C-alpha atoms as a PDB file:
ATOM      1  CA  UNK A   1      23.507  -0.096 -30.133  1.00  0.00           C
ATOM      2  CA  UNK A   2      21.716   1.529 -27.217  1.00  0.00           C
ATOM      3  CA  UNK A   3      21.604   0.245 -23.663  1.00  0.00           C
ATOM      4  CA  UNK A   4      18.561   0.790 -21.475  1.00  0.00           C
ATOM      5  CA  UNK A   5      16.799  -0.886 -18.567  1.00  0.00           C
ATOM      6  CA  UNK A   6      15.988  -4.553 -19.106  1.00  0.00           C
ATOM      7  CA  UNK A   7      13.301  -6.832 -17.696  1.00  0.00           C
ATOM      8  CA  UNK A   8      15.691  -7.858 -14.917  1.00  0.00           C
ATOM      9  CA  UNK A   9      17.763  -4.686 -14.369  1.00  0.00           C
ATOM     10  CA  UNK A  10      16.680  -1.125 -13.583  1.00  0.00           C
ATOM     11  CA  UNK A  11      19.201   1.330 -15.059  1.00  0.00           C
ATOM     12  CA  UNK A  12      18.717   4.972 -14.018  1.00  0.00           C
ATOM     13  CA  UNK A  13      18.892   7.425 -16.967  1.00  0.00           C
ATOM     14  CA  UNK A  14      22.367   8.692 -15.980  1.00  0.00           C
ATOM     15  CA  UNK A  15      23.764   5.142 -15.906  1.00  0.00           C
ATOM     16  CA  UNK A  16      22.274   4.245 -19.301  1.00  0.00           C
ATOM     17  CA  UNK A  17      23.692   7.507 -20.682  1.00  0.00           C
ATOM     18  CA  UNK A  18      27.158   6.651 -19.332  1.00  0.00           C
ATOM     19  CA  UNK A  19      27.105   3.170 -20.895  1.00  0.00           C
ATOM     20  CA  UNK A  20      26.026   4.515 -24.284  1.00  0.00           C
ATOM     21  CA  UNK A  21      28.595   7.330 -24.141  1.00  0.00           C
ATOM     22  CA  UNK A  22      31.409   4.851 -23.440  1.00  0.00           C
ATOM     23  CA  UNK A  23      30.254   2.639 -26.313  1.00  0.00           C
ATOM     24  CA  UNK A  24      30.127   5.640 -28.677  1.00  0.00           C
ATOM     25  CA  UNK A  25      33.554   6.925 -27.596  1.00  0.00           C
ATOM     26  CA  UNK A  26      34.989   3.381 -27.676  1.00  0.00           C
ATOM     27  CA  UNK A  27      36.536   3.952 -24.259  1.00  0.00           C
ATOM     28  CA  UNK A  28      36.457   1.676 -21.207  1.00  0.00           C
ATOM     29  CA  UNK A  29      33.592   2.458 -18.834  1.00  0.00           C
ATOM     30  CA  UNK A  30      34.912   2.726 -15.270  1.00  0.00           C
ATOM     31  CA  UNK A  31      32.062   2.125 -12.823  1.00  0.00           C
ATOM     32  CA  UNK A  32      32.460   2.880  -9.125  1.00  0.00           C
ATOM     33  CA  UNK A  33      29.975   2.554  -6.285  1.00  0.00           C
ATOM     34  CA  UNK A  34      29.287   0.819  -3.006  1.00  0.00           C
ATOM     35  CA  UNK A  35      29.588  -2.987  -2.995  1.00  0.00           C
ATOM     36  CA  UNK A  36      26.210  -4.500  -3.820  1.00  0.00           C
ATOM     37  CA  UNK A  37      24.928  -1.700  -6.064  1.00  0.00           C
ATOM     38  CA  UNK A  38      24.931  -3.855  -9.216  1.00  0.00           C
ATOM     39  CA  UNK A  39      28.229  -2.941 -10.884  1.00  0.00           C
ATOM     40  CA  UNK A  40      29.101  -6.478 -11.960  1.00  0.00           C
ATOM     41  CA  UNK A  41      25.513  -7.217 -12.946  1.00  0.00           C
ATOM     42  CA  UNK A  42      25.572  -4.079 -15.113  1.00  0.00           C
ATOM     43  CA  UNK A  43      28.146  -5.667 -17.432  1.00  0.00           C
ATOM     44  CA  UNK A  44      26.029  -8.804 -17.782  1.00  0.00           C
ATOM     45  CA  UNK A  45      22.946  -6.737 -18.547  1.00  0.00           C
ATOM     46  CA  UNK A  46      24.823  -4.599 -21.087  1.00  0.00           C
ATOM     47  CA  UNK A  47      25.902  -7.781 -22.859  1.00  0.00           C
ATOM     48  CA  UNK A  48      22.338  -9.121 -22.831  1.00  0.00           C
ATOM     49  CA  UNK A  49      20.823  -5.802 -23.922  1.00  0.00           C
ATOM     50  CA  UNK A  50      23.260  -5.364 -26.826  1.00  0.00           C
ATOM     51  CA  UNK A  51      23.113  -9.049 -27.767  1.00  0.00           C
ATOM     52  CA  UNK A  52      26.840  -9.578 -27.247  1.00  0.00           C
ATOM     53  CA  UNK A  53      28.815 -12.422 -25.648  1.00  0.00           C
ATOM     54  CA  UNK A  54      30.561 -11.578 -22.387  1.00  0.00           C
ATOM     55  CA  UNK A  55      34.064 -12.362 -21.157  1.00  0.00           C
ATOM     56  CA  UNK A  56      34.595 -11.900 -17.422  1.00  0.00           C
ATOM     57  CA  UNK A  57      37.972 -11.246 -15.790  1.00  0.00           C
ATOM     58  CA  UNK A  58      37.694 -11.375 -11.988  1.00  0.00           C
ATOM     59  CA  UNK A  59      40.638  -9.514 -10.495  1.00  0.00           C
ATOM     60  CA  UNK A  60      42.211 -10.671  -7.209  1.00  0.00           C
ATOM     61  CA  UNK A  61      44.934  -9.233  -5.004  1.00  0.00           C
ATOM     62  CA  UNK A  62      47.467 -11.560  -6.658  1.00  0.00           C
ATOM     63  CA  UNK A  63      46.362 -10.900 -10.254  1.00  0.00           C
ATOM     64  CA  UNK A  64      48.954  -9.459 -12.630  1.00  0.00           C
ATOM     65  CA  UNK A  65      48.121  -7.535 -15.790  1.00  0.00           C
ATOM     66  CA  UNK A  66      50.193  -9.976 -17.847  1.00  0.00           C
ATOM     67  CA  UNK A  67      47.728 -12.752 -16.963  1.00  0.00           C
ATOM     68  CA  UNK A  68      45.039 -10.894 -18.875  1.00  0.00           C
ATOM     69  CA  UNK A  69      47.199 -11.016 -22.007  1.00  0.00           C
ATOM     70  CA  UNK A  70      48.806 -14.458 -21.853  1.00  0.00           C
ATOM     71  CA  UNK A  71      50.983 -16.718 -19.726  1.00  0.00           C
ATOM     72  CA  UNK A  72      53.959 -18.745 -20.909  1.00  0.00           C
ATOM     73  CA  UNK A  73      54.076 -22.190 -19.285  1.00  0.00           C
ATOM     74  CA  UNK A  74      57.840 -22.769 -19.195  1.00  0.00           C
ATOM     75  CA  UNK A  75      57.524 -25.577 -16.633  1.00  0.00           C
ATOM     76  CA  UNK A  76      55.337 -27.705 -18.918  1.00  0.00           C
ATOM     77  CA  UNK A  77      57.688 -27.101 -21.829  1.00  0.00           C
ATOM     78  CA  UNK A  78      60.686 -28.190 -19.755  1.00  0.00           C
ATOM     79  CA  UNK A  79      58.852 -31.337 -18.647  1.00  0.00           C
ATOM     80  CA  UNK A  80      57.861 -32.183 -22.221  1.00  0.00           C
ATOM     81  CA  UNK A  81      61.428 -31.668 -23.433  1.00  0.00           C
ATOM     82  CA  UNK A  82      62.628 -34.185 -20.848  1.00  0.00           C
ATOM     83  CA  UNK A  83      59.973 -36.643 -22.057  1.00  0.00           C
ATOM     84  CA  UNK A  84      60.881 -36.114 -25.715  1.00  0.00           C
ATOM     85  CA  UNK A  85      57.467 -34.695 -26.643  1.00  0.00           C
ATOM     86  CA  UNK A  86      57.403 -33.249 -30.196  1.00  0.00           C
ATOM     87  CA  UNK A  87      55.175 -30.371 -29.029  1.00  0.00           C
ATOM     88  CA  UNK A  88      58.196 -28.772 -27.374  1.00  0.00           C
ATOM     89  CA  UNK A  89      59.474 -27.464 -30.732  1.00  0.00           C
ATOM     90  CA  UNK A  90      56.560 -25.034 -31.061  1.00  0.00           C
ATOM     91  CA  UNK A  91      56.521 -22.489 -28.244  1.00  0.00           C
ATOM     92  CA  UNK A  92      52.949 -21.535 -29.146  1.00  0.00           C
ATOM     93  CA  UNK A  93      51.821 -24.813 -27.563  1.00  0.00           C
ATOM     94  CA  UNK A  94      52.776 -23.363 -24.183  1.00  0.00           C
ATOM     95  CA  UNK A  95      51.100 -19.983 -24.487  1.00  0.00           C
ATOM     96  CA  UNK A  96      47.876 -19.714 -22.466  1.00  0.00           C
ATOM     97  CA  UNK A  97      45.577 -16.988 -23.694  1.00  0.00           C
ATOM     98  CA  UNK A  98      44.261 -14.522 -21.141  1.00  0.00           C
ATOM     99  CA  UNK A  99      40.900 -12.769 -21.051  1.00  0.00           C
ATOM    100  CA  UNK A 100      42.062  -9.770 -23.094  1.00  0.00           C
ATOM    101  CA  UNK A 101      43.468 -12.035 -25.800  1.00  0.00           C
ATOM    102  CA  UNK A 102      40.167 -13.942 -25.876  1.00  0.00           C
ATOM    103  CA  UNK A 103      38.266 -10.673 -26.268  1.00  0.00           C
ATOM    104  CA  UNK A 104      40.643  -9.402 -28.965  1.00  0.00           C
ATOM    105  CA  UNK A 105      40.472 -12.677 -30.901  1.00  0.00           C
ATOM    106  CA  UNK A 106      36.692 -13.129 -30.681  1.00  0.00           C
ATOM    107  CA  UNK A 107      34.943 -13.465 -34.065  1.00  0.00           C
ATOM    108  CA  UNK A 108      32.597 -10.588 -33.186  1.00  0.00           C
ATOM    109  CA  UNK A 109      32.203  -7.744 -30.724  1.00  0.00           C
ATOM    110  CA  UNK A 110      32.081  -8.801 -27.055  1.00  0.00           C
ATOM    111  CA  UNK A 111      31.633  -7.194 -23.643  1.00  0.00           C
ATOM    112  CA  UNK A 112      34.793  -7.524 -21.545  1.00  0.00           C
ATOM    113  CA  UNK A 113      34.291  -7.124 -17.791  1.00  0.00           C
ATOM    114  CA  UNK A 114      37.371  -6.358 -15.673  1.00  0.00           C
ATOM    115  CA  UNK A 115      35.807  -6.810 -12.253  1.00  0.00           C
ATOM    116  CA  UNK A 116      37.098  -5.099  -9.071  1.00  0.00           C
ATOM    117  CA  UNK A 117      40.269  -3.657 -10.564  1.00  0.00           C
ATOM    118  CA  UNK A 118      41.073  -1.929  -7.263  1.00  0.00           C
ATOM    119  CA  UNK A 119      41.820  -5.296  -5.625  1.00  0.00           C
ATOM    120  CA  UNK A 120      45.051  -5.668  -7.586  1.00  0.00           C
ATOM    121  CA  UNK A 121      48.421  -4.000  -7.118  1.00  0.00           C
ATOM    122  CA  UNK A 122      48.563  -0.230  -7.748  1.00  0.00           C
ATOM    123  CA  UNK A 123      50.590  -0.816 -10.932  1.00  0.00           C
ATOM    124  CA  UNK A 124      47.968  -3.135 -12.412  1.00  0.00           C
ATOM    125  CA  UNK A 125      45.955  -0.390 -14.194  1.00  0.00           C
ATOM    126  CA  UNK A 126      49.094   1.275 -15.560  1.00  0.00           C
ATOM    127  CA  UNK A 127      50.274  -2.048 -16.975  1.00  0.00           C
ATOM    128  CA  UNK A 128      47.123  -2.215 -19.112  1.00  0.00           C
ATOM    129  CA  UNK A 129      47.248   1.358 -20.462  1.00  0.00           C
ATOM    130  CA  UNK A 130      48.651   0.589 -23.902  1.00  0.00           C
ATOM    131  CA  UNK A 131      46.657  -2.601 -24.408  1.00  0.00           C
ATOM    132  CA  UNK A 132      43.322  -0.913 -23.637  1.00  0.00           C
ATOM    133  CA  UNK A 133      44.227   2.227 -25.577  1.00  0.00           C
ATOM    134  CA  UNK A 134      45.679   0.684 -28.746  1.00  0.00           C
ATOM    135  CA  UNK A 135      43.766  -2.601 -28.484  1.00  0.00           C
ATOM    136  CA  UNK A 136      46.881  -4.638 -29.226  1.00  0.00           C
ATOM    137  CA  UNK A 137      49.842  -6.264 -27.490  1.00  0.00           C
ATOM    138  CA  UNK A 138      53.029  -8.130 -28.379  1.00  0.00           C
ATOM    139  CA  UNK A 139      53.754 -11.788 -27.572  1.00  0.00           C
ATOM    140  CA  UNK A 140      57.512 -11.878 -27.003  1.00  0.00           C
ATOM    141  CA  UNK A 141      57.863 -15.677 -27.047  1.00  0.00           C
ATOM    142  CA  UNK A 142      56.338 -16.032 -30.537  1.00  0.00           C
ATOM    143  CA  UNK A 143      57.093 -12.584 -31.949  1.00  0.00           C
ATOM    144  CA  UNK A 144      53.480 -11.966 -32.968  1.00  0.00           C
ATOM    145  CA  UNK A 145      51.349  -8.899 -32.338  1.00  0.00           C
ATOM    146  CA  UNK A 146      47.768  -9.565 -31.265  1.00  0.00           C
ATOM    147  CA  UNK A 147      45.344  -6.875 -32.456  1.00  0.00           C
ATOM    148  CA  UNK A 148      41.647  -6.764 -31.627  1.00  0.00           C
ATOM    149  CA  UNK A 149      39.537  -7.972 -34.552  1.00  0.00           C
ATOM    150  CA  UNK A 150      36.586  -6.058 -33.107  1.00  0.00           C
ATOM    151  CA  UNK A 151      36.998  -3.442 -30.383  1.00  0.00           C
ATOM    152  CA  UNK A 152      35.282  -4.885 -27.277  1.00  0.00           C
ATOM    153  CA  UNK A 153      32.970  -2.958 -24.975  1.00  0.00           C
ATOM    154  CA  UNK A 154      35.146  -2.765 -21.853  1.00  0.00           C
ATOM    155  CA  UNK A 155      33.483  -2.311 -18.453  1.00  0.00           C
ATOM    156  CA  UNK A 156      35.747  -1.925 -15.414  1.00  0.00           C
ATOM    157  CA  UNK A 157      34.372  -1.983 -11.875  1.00  0.00           C
ATOM    158  CA  UNK A 158      35.924  -0.623  -8.689  1.00  0.00           C
ATOM    159  CA  UNK A 159      34.807  -0.574  -5.058  1.00  0.00           C
ATOM    160  CA  UNK A 160      37.047   2.443  -4.472  1.00  0.00           C
ATOM    161  CA  UNK A 161      39.348   0.530  -2.111  1.00  0.00           C
ATOM    162  CA  UNK A 162      42.348   2.352  -3.567  1.00  0.00           C
ATOM    163  CA  UNK A 163      42.946   5.297  -5.890  1.00  0.00           C
ATOM    164  CA  UNK A 164      43.528   4.550  -9.565  1.00  0.00           C
ATOM    165  CA  UNK A 165      46.337   6.295 -11.524  1.00  0.00           C
ATOM    166  CA  UNK A 166      45.477   9.531 -13.351  1.00  0.00           C
ATOM    167  CA  UNK A 167      46.845   8.222 -16.652  1.00  0.00           C
ATOM    168  CA  UNK A 168      44.448   5.282 -16.428  1.00  0.00           C
ATOM    169  CA  UNK A 169      41.474   7.454 -15.441  1.00  0.00           C
ATOM    170  CA  UNK A 170      42.128   9.750 -18.407  1.00  0.00           C
ATOM    171  CA  UNK A 171      41.505   6.877 -20.803  1.00  0.00           C
ATOM    172  CA  UNK A 172      38.163   5.873 -19.233  1.00  0.00           C
ATOM    173  CA  UNK A 173      34.625   7.195 -19.225  1.00  0.00           C
ATOM    174  CA  UNK A 174      33.731   7.412 -15.538  1.00  0.00           C
ATOM    175  CA  UNK A 175      30.429   6.842 -13.762  1.00  0.00           C
ATOM    176  CA  UNK A 176      29.635   6.588 -10.061  1.00  0.00           C
ATOM    177  CA  UNK A 177      26.515   4.559  -9.239  1.00  0.00           C
ATOM    178  CA  UNK A 178      24.751   6.488  -6.513  1.00  0.00           C
ATOM    179  CA  UNK A 179      22.692   4.552  -4.037  1.00  0.00           C
ATOM    180  CA  UNK A 180      19.099   4.400  -5.349  1.00  0.00           C
ATOM    181  CA  UNK A 181      16.393   6.531  -3.793  1.00  0.00           C
ATOM    182  CA  UNK A 182      13.181   4.967  -2.460  1.00  0.00           C
ATOM    183  CA  UNK A 183      11.301   5.167  -5.756  1.00  0.00           C
ATOM    184  CA  UNK A 184      14.113   3.552  -7.721  1.00  0.00           C
ATOM    185  CA  UNK A 185      14.449   0.859  -5.065  1.00  0.00           C
ATOM    186  CA  UNK A 186      10.743   0.105  -5.440  1.00  0.00           C
ATOM    187  CA  UNK A 187      11.274  -0.412  -9.175  1.00  0.00           C
ATOM    188  CA  UNK A 188      14.249  -2.686  -8.490  1.00  0.00           C
ATOM    189  CA  UNK A 189      12.252  -4.707  -5.959  1.00  0.00           C
ATOM    190  CA  UNK A 190       9.362  -4.988  -8.400  1.00  0.00           C
ATOM    191  CA  UNK A 191      11.712  -6.549 -10.970  1.00  0.00           C
ATOM    192  CA  UNK A 192      12.763  -9.245  -8.481  1.00  0.00           C
ATOM    193  CA  UNK A 193       9.551  -9.663  -6.479  1.00  0.00           C
ATOM    194  CA  UNK A 194       6.606  -8.514  -8.607  1.00  0.00           C
ATOM    195  CA  UNK A 195       3.341  -8.227  -6.771  1.00  0.00           C
ATOM    196  CA  UNK A 196       4.872  -7.542  -3.357  1.00  0.00           C
ATOM    197  CA  UNK A 197       2.195  -5.926  -1.197  1.00  0.00           C
ATOM    198  CA  UNK A 198       2.715  -2.138  -1.041  1.00  0.00           C
ATOM    199  CA  UNK A 199       2.275  -1.901   2.747  1.00  0.00           C
ATOM    200  CA  UNK A 200       4.851  -4.606   3.341  1.00  0.00           C
ATOM    201  CA  UNK A 201       7.303  -2.967   0.949  1.00  0.00           C
ATOM    202  CA  UNK A 202       6.787   0.483   2.488  1.00  0.00           C
ATOM    203  CA  UNK A 203       7.439  -0.830   6.000  1.00  0.00           C
ATOM    204  CA  UNK A 204      10.499  -2.797   4.828  1.00  0.00           C
ATOM    205  CA  UNK A 205      11.962   0.221   3.001  1.00  0.00           C
ATOM    206  CA  UNK A 206      11.263   2.463   5.993  1.00  0.00           C
ATOM    207  CA  UNK A 207      13.243   0.154   8.267  1.00  0.00           C
ATOM    208  CA  UNK A 208      15.942  -0.372   5.643  1.00  0.00           C
ATOM    209  CA  UNK A 209      16.630   3.348   5.198  1.00  0.00           C
ATOM    210  CA  UNK A 210      16.407   3.914   8.955  1.00  0.00           C
ATOM    211  CA  UNK A 211      19.099   1.257   9.401  1.00  0.00           C
ATOM    212  CA  UNK A 212      21.226   2.487   6.507  1.00  0.00           C
ATOM    213  CA  UNK A 213      21.226   6.112   7.673  1.00  0.00           C
ATOM    214  CA  UNK A 214      22.216   5.355  11.260  1.00  0.00           C
ATOM    215  CA  UNK A 215      25.341   7.358  12.186  1.00  0.00           C
ATOM    216  CA  UNK A 216      28.464   5.342  12.871  1.00  0.00           C
ATOM    217  CA  UNK A 217      27.530   2.375  10.699  1.00  0.00           C
ATOM    218  CA  UNK A 218      30.661   0.624   9.402  1.00  0.00           C
ATOM    219  CA  UNK A 219      29.064  -1.285   6.509  1.00  0.00           C
ATOM    220  CA  UNK A 220      25.842   0.168   5.159  1.00  0.00           C
ATOM    221  CA  UNK A 221      23.422  -2.428   3.752  1.00  0.00           C
ATOM    222  CA  UNK A 222      23.236  -2.345  -0.034  1.00  0.00           C
ATOM    223  CA  UNK A 223      20.652  -3.139  -2.690  1.00  0.00           C
ATOM    224  CA  UNK A 224      21.668  -6.799  -2.827  1.00  0.00           C
ATOM    225  CA  UNK A 225      21.264  -7.112   0.948  1.00  0.00           C
ATOM    226  CA  UNK A 226      17.827  -5.502   0.778  1.00  0.00           C
ATOM    227  CA  UNK A 227      16.778  -8.094  -1.815  1.00  0.00           C
ATOM    228  CA  UNK A 228      18.104 -10.919   0.378  1.00  0.00           C
ATOM    229  CA  UNK A 229      16.193  -9.518   3.350  1.00  0.00           C
ATOM    230  CA  UNK A 230      12.965  -9.279   1.359  1.00  0.00           C
ATOM    231  CA  UNK A 231      13.429 -12.863   0.189  1.00  0.00           C
ATOM    232  CA  UNK A 232      13.606 -13.980   3.827  1.00  0.00           C
ATOM    233  CA  UNK A 233      10.576 -11.853   4.754  1.00  0.00           C
ATOM    234  CA  UNK A 234       8.556 -13.521   1.994  1.00  0.00           C
ATOM    235  CA  UNK A 235       9.824 -16.969   2.948  1.00  0.00           C
ATOM    236  CA  UNK A 236       8.717 -16.358   6.561  1.00  0.00           C
ATOM    237  CA  UNK A 237       5.412 -14.902   5.313  1.00  0.00           C
ATOM    238  CA  UNK A 238       5.781 -11.856   7.559  1.00  0.00           C
ATOM    239  CA  UNK A 239       3.181  -9.094   7.516  1.00  0.00           C
ATOM    240  CA  UNK A 240       3.829  -5.333   7.899  1.00  0.00           C
ATOM    241  CA  UNK A 241       2.770  -5.681  11.536  1.00  0.00           C
ATOM    242  CA  UNK A 242       5.254  -8.532  12.047  1.00  0.00           C
ATOM    243  CA  UNK A 243       8.038  -6.293  10.761  1.00  0.00           C
ATOM    244  CA  UNK A 244       7.352  -3.463  13.165  1.00  0.00           C
ATOM    245  CA  UNK A 245       9.881  -3.412  15.973  1.00  0.00           C
ATOM    246  CA  UNK A 246       8.684  -3.662  19.577  1.00  0.00           C
ATOM    247  CA  UNK A 247       9.321  -0.644  21.798  1.00  0.00           C
ATOM    248  CA  UNK A 248      12.964  -0.473  22.810  1.00  0.00           C
ATOM    249  CA  UNK A 249      14.168  -2.667  19.957  1.00  0.00           C
ATOM    250  CA  UNK A 250      16.607  -1.141  17.438  1.00  0.00           C
ATOM    251  CA  UNK A 251      17.286  -4.135  15.209  1.00  0.00           C
ATOM    252  CA  UNK A 252      14.795  -5.260  12.556  1.00  0.00           C
ATOM    253  CA  UNK A 253      13.746  -8.890  12.219  1.00  0.00           C
ATOM    254  CA  UNK A 254      16.199 -11.097  10.323  1.00  0.00           C
ATOM    255  CA  UNK A 255      18.807  -8.345  10.584  1.00  0.00           C
ATOM    256  CA  UNK A 256      21.589 -10.816   9.738  1.00  0.00           C
ATOM    257  CA  UNK A 257      20.748 -10.275   6.066  1.00  0.00           C
ATOM    258  CA  UNK A 258      21.402  -6.534   6.431  1.00  0.00           C
ATOM    259  CA  UNK A 259      24.199  -6.125   8.977  1.00  0.00           C
ATOM    260  CA  UNK A 260      27.414  -7.968   8.162  1.00  0.00           C
ATOM    261  CA  UNK A 261      29.738  -7.324  11.089  1.00  0.00           C
ATOM    262  CA  UNK A 262      29.607  -7.473  14.865  1.00  0.00           C
ATOM    263  CA  UNK A 263      30.479  -3.776  15.317  1.00  0.00           C
ATOM    264  CA  UNK A 264      27.297  -2.682  13.560  1.00  0.00           C
ATOM    265  CA  UNK A 265      25.151  -5.172  15.481  1.00  0.00           C
ATOM    266  CA  UNK A 266      26.705  -3.928  18.738  1.00  0.00           C
ATOM    267  CA  UNK A 267      25.999  -0.336  17.695  1.00  0.00           C
ATOM    268  CA  UNK A 268      22.274  -1.018  17.367  1.00  0.00           C
ATOM    269  CA  UNK A 269      22.218  -3.025  20.581  1.00  0.00           C
ATOM    270  CA  UNK A 270      23.703  -0.002  22.390  1.00  0.00           C
ATOM    271  CA  UNK A 271      21.100   2.262  20.781  1.00  0.00           C
ATOM    272  CA  UNK A 272      18.334  -0.080  21.961  1.00  0.00           C
ATOM    273  CA  UNK A 273      19.797  -0.175  25.467  1.00  0.00           C
ATOM    274  CA  UNK A 274      19.938   3.637  25.621  1.00  0.00           C
ATOM    275  CA  UNK A 275      16.360   3.888  24.337  1.00  0.00           C
ATOM    276  CA  UNK A 276      15.134   1.507  27.040  1.00  0.00           C
ATOM    277  CA  UNK A 277      16.928   3.463  29.764  1.00  0.00           C
ATOM    278  CA  UNK A 278      15.383   6.715  28.586  1.00  0.00           C
ATOM    279  CA  UNK A 279      11.943   5.152  28.511  1.00  0.00           C
ATOM    280  CA  UNK A 280      12.107   4.240  32.216  1.00  0.00           C
END
């Protein structure tokens, strides 16, 4: 099984190589990069490219590793015992399977996405070490051991909000998605908006990179924000001339699709103010 770019996803050669290496080594692929660079979408495209089902585990700040294995619903069992329900005699009726259990018990190979692992508690990755390494875990309430029928392709994403433990990193194949250059961005845009006029795209990319490379920017616009911006430009039927900023203006048209906090908007407003003062 070899992953490569698809009709809807442009995978640079180094990213495709990382995916295929992780699949060959049968190790989790840990993907880091700026938010909006396509880390989550990568897992979906890997599943589509390899023809495999996908199981998605979205991690939150309150997520515990145990939830990925299973949860024992003791409250429901207590309620049923009070109601005289016959189900109460079999504890298995109160075991809820987590995403890892679903992946381990799948009839064939699957892609398992553990999305934004850095959102959880610092111990979260360590609590999954054995399960991801040995591909098995023990269910204490029933006494059974769940072993993966087919080793899943595990893709783990991180926005680098916190450092991950060394023991966890050692068990992963790591890849950092660098922000695409202009040529790669053109290919990505062409996938989403084929036939976009070259002059319009060139002007949009020029302004996008000018915005992104401004010093002091708190949240740089990402690939997903560029695509949103282009969608608005097409919806408004703007021309390359329409996009060009008037003298003394620092913010591009429809900048709300690109800048996502008031500090960055204020930064460009100050730059515009300074430019106007110098022009006098």
